[in-house]
C-alpha atoms as a PDB file:
ATOM      1  CA  SER A   1     -49.367  51.987  22.855  1.00  0.00           C
ATOM      2  CA  LEU A   2     -47.899  50.462  25.971  1.00  0.00           C
ATOM      3  CA  ALA A   3     -50.543  47.718  26.099  1.00  0.00           C
ATOM      4  CA  ALA A   4     -49.946  46.742  22.475  1.00  0.00           C
ATOM      5  CA  GLU A   5     -46.193  46.569  23.071  1.00  0.00           C
ATOM      6  CA  GLY A   6     -46.731  44.350  26.113  1.00  0.00           C
ATOM      7  CA  ILE A   7     -49.013  42.019  24.192  1.00  0.00           C
ATOM      8  CA  GLN A   8     -46.539  41.843  21.316  1.00  0.00           C
ATOM      9  CA  GLU A   9     -43.763  40.956  23.769  1.00  0.00           C
ATOM     10  CA  ILE A  10     -45.839  38.050  25.086  1.00  0.00           C
ATOM     11  CA  VAL A  11     -46.661  36.850  21.566  1.00  0.00           C
ATOM     12  CA  ASP A  12     -42.983  37.058  20.600  1.00  0.00           C
ATOM     13  CA  GLY A  13     -42.086  34.923  23.631  1.00  0.00           C
ATOM     14  CA  LYS A  14     -44.630  32.210  22.795  1.00  0.00           C
ATOM     15  CA  ASP A  15     -41.991  29.574  22.064  1.00  0.00           C
ATOM     16  CA  LYS A  16     -40.277  30.121  25.424  1.00  0.00           C
ATOM     17  CA  ILE A  17     -43.628  29.989  27.248  1.00  0.00           C
ATOM     18  CA  GLU A  18     -44.521  26.754  25.446  1.00  0.00           C
ATOM     19  CA  GLU A  19     -41.138  25.250  26.345  1.00  0.00           C
ATOM     20  CA  LEU A  20     -41.591  26.126  30.035  1.00  0.00           C
ATOM     21  CA  ALA A  21     -45.147  24.774  30.056  1.00  0.00           C
ATOM     22  CA  LYS A  22     -43.995  21.456  28.595  1.00  0.00           C
ATOM     23  CA  LYS A  23     -41.167  21.236  31.113  1.00  0.00           C
ATOM     24  CA  TYR A  24     -43.128  22.105  34.260  1.00  0.00           C
ATOM     25  CA  LEU A  25     -46.862  21.647  33.642  1.00  0.00           C
ATOM     26  CA  VAL A  26     -47.104  18.531  31.497  1.00  0.00           C
ATOM     27  CA  PRO A  27     -45.587  16.208  34.130  1.00  0.00           C
ATOM     28  CA  SER A  28     -47.446  17.944  37.000  1.00  0.00           C
ATOM     29  CA  ARG A  29     -50.518  16.685  38.764  1.00  0.00           C
ATOM     30  CA  ASN A  30     -51.036  19.850  40.854  1.00  0.00           C
ATOM     31  CA  ALA A  31     -50.493  23.577  40.447  1.00  0.00           C
ATOM     32  CA  PHE A  32     -50.892  26.506  42.837  1.00  0.00           C
ATOM     33  CA  TYR A  33     -51.289  30.168  41.965  1.00  0.00           C
ATOM     34  CA  ILE A  34     -50.524  32.652  44.727  1.00  0.00           C
ATOM     35  CA  GLY A  35     -51.643  36.284  44.680  1.00  0.00           C
ATOM     36  CA  ARG A  36     -51.582  39.173  47.123  1.00  0.00           C
ATOM     37  CA  GLY A  37     -54.197  41.921  47.209  1.00  0.00           C
ATOM     38  CA  ILE A  38     -55.776  42.471  43.799  1.00  0.00           C
ATOM     39  CA  ASP A  39     -53.558  39.704  42.413  1.00  0.00           C
ATOM     40  CA  HIS A  40     -55.513  37.201  44.493  1.00  0.00           C
ATOM     41  CA  ALA A  41     -58.334  37.529  41.945  1.00  0.00           C
ATOM     42  CA  VAL A  42     -55.812  37.006  39.131  1.00  0.00           C
ATOM     43  CA  ALA A  43     -54.521  33.866  40.870  1.00  0.00           C
ATOM     44  CA  MET A  44     -58.044  32.496  41.226  1.00  0.00           C
ATOM     45  CA  GLU A  45     -58.886  33.170  37.566  1.00  0.00           C
ATOM     46  CA  ALA A  46     -55.581  31.738  36.315  1.00  0.00           C
ATOM     47  CA  ALA A  47     -56.160  28.595  38.371  1.00  0.00           C
ATOM     48  CA  LEU A  48     -59.639  28.223  36.914  1.00  0.00           C
ATOM     49  CA  LYS A  49     -58.369  28.632  33.349  1.00  0.00           C
ATOM     50  CA  LEU A  50     -55.583  26.083  33.794  1.00  0.00           C
ATOM     51  CA  LYS A  51     -57.998  23.659  35.432  1.00  0.00           C
ATOM     52  CA  GLU A  52     -60.449  24.014  32.534  1.00  0.00           C
ATOM     53  CA  VAL A  53     -57.927  23.421  29.752  1.00  0.00           C
ATOM     54  CA  SER A  54     -55.639  20.822  31.322  1.00  0.00           C
ATOM     55  CA  TYR A  55     -57.594  18.938  33.985  1.00  0.00           C
ATOM     56  CA  ILE A  56     -54.635  19.480  36.338  1.00  0.00           C
ATOM     57  CA  GLN A  57     -55.772  19.906  39.948  1.00  0.00           C
ATOM     58  CA  THR A  58     -55.177  23.644  40.346  1.00  0.00           C
ATOM     59  CA  GLU A  59     -55.970  26.122  43.125  1.00  0.00           C
ATOM     60  CA  GLY A  60     -55.538  29.846  43.630  1.00  0.00           C
ATOM     61  CA  PHE A  61     -54.665  31.190  47.074  1.00  0.00           C
ATOM     62  CA  ALA A  62     -54.262  34.513  48.797  1.00  0.00           C
ATOM     63  CA  ALA A  63     -50.628  34.877  49.867  1.00  0.00           C
ATOM     64  CA  ALA A  64     -51.690  35.380  53.492  1.00  0.00           C
ATOM     65  CA  GLU A  65     -53.282  31.918  53.558  1.00  0.00           C
ATOM     66  CA  LEU A  66     -49.861  30.333  53.216  1.00  0.00           C
ATOM     67  CA  LYS A  67     -48.797  31.693  56.603  1.00  0.00           C
ATOM     68  CA  HIS A  68     -52.090  31.562  58.474  1.00  0.00           C
ATOM     69  CA  GLY A  69     -54.640  29.515  56.601  1.00  0.00           C
ATOM     70  CA  THR A  70     -55.491  26.144  55.251  1.00  0.00           C
ATOM     71  CA  ILE A  71     -52.038  24.906  54.233  1.00  0.00           C
ATOM     72  CA  SER A  72     -49.917  26.285  57.078  1.00  0.00           C
END
């Protein structure tokens, strides 16, 4: 199925994902996830998961907030 193929592709790329995480997340103190529309919920959930496992200060934002909201 298409879903199984997508999951397998992610699993096969685990080493590359781990390499990128070590390069960019390990030295970081902050992380931002940005989502638009339905992806706003994905950004919020991803931020929560990263915050829970790494204790990095992480926030999820709606893309529109970047132009008009709290960090503009």
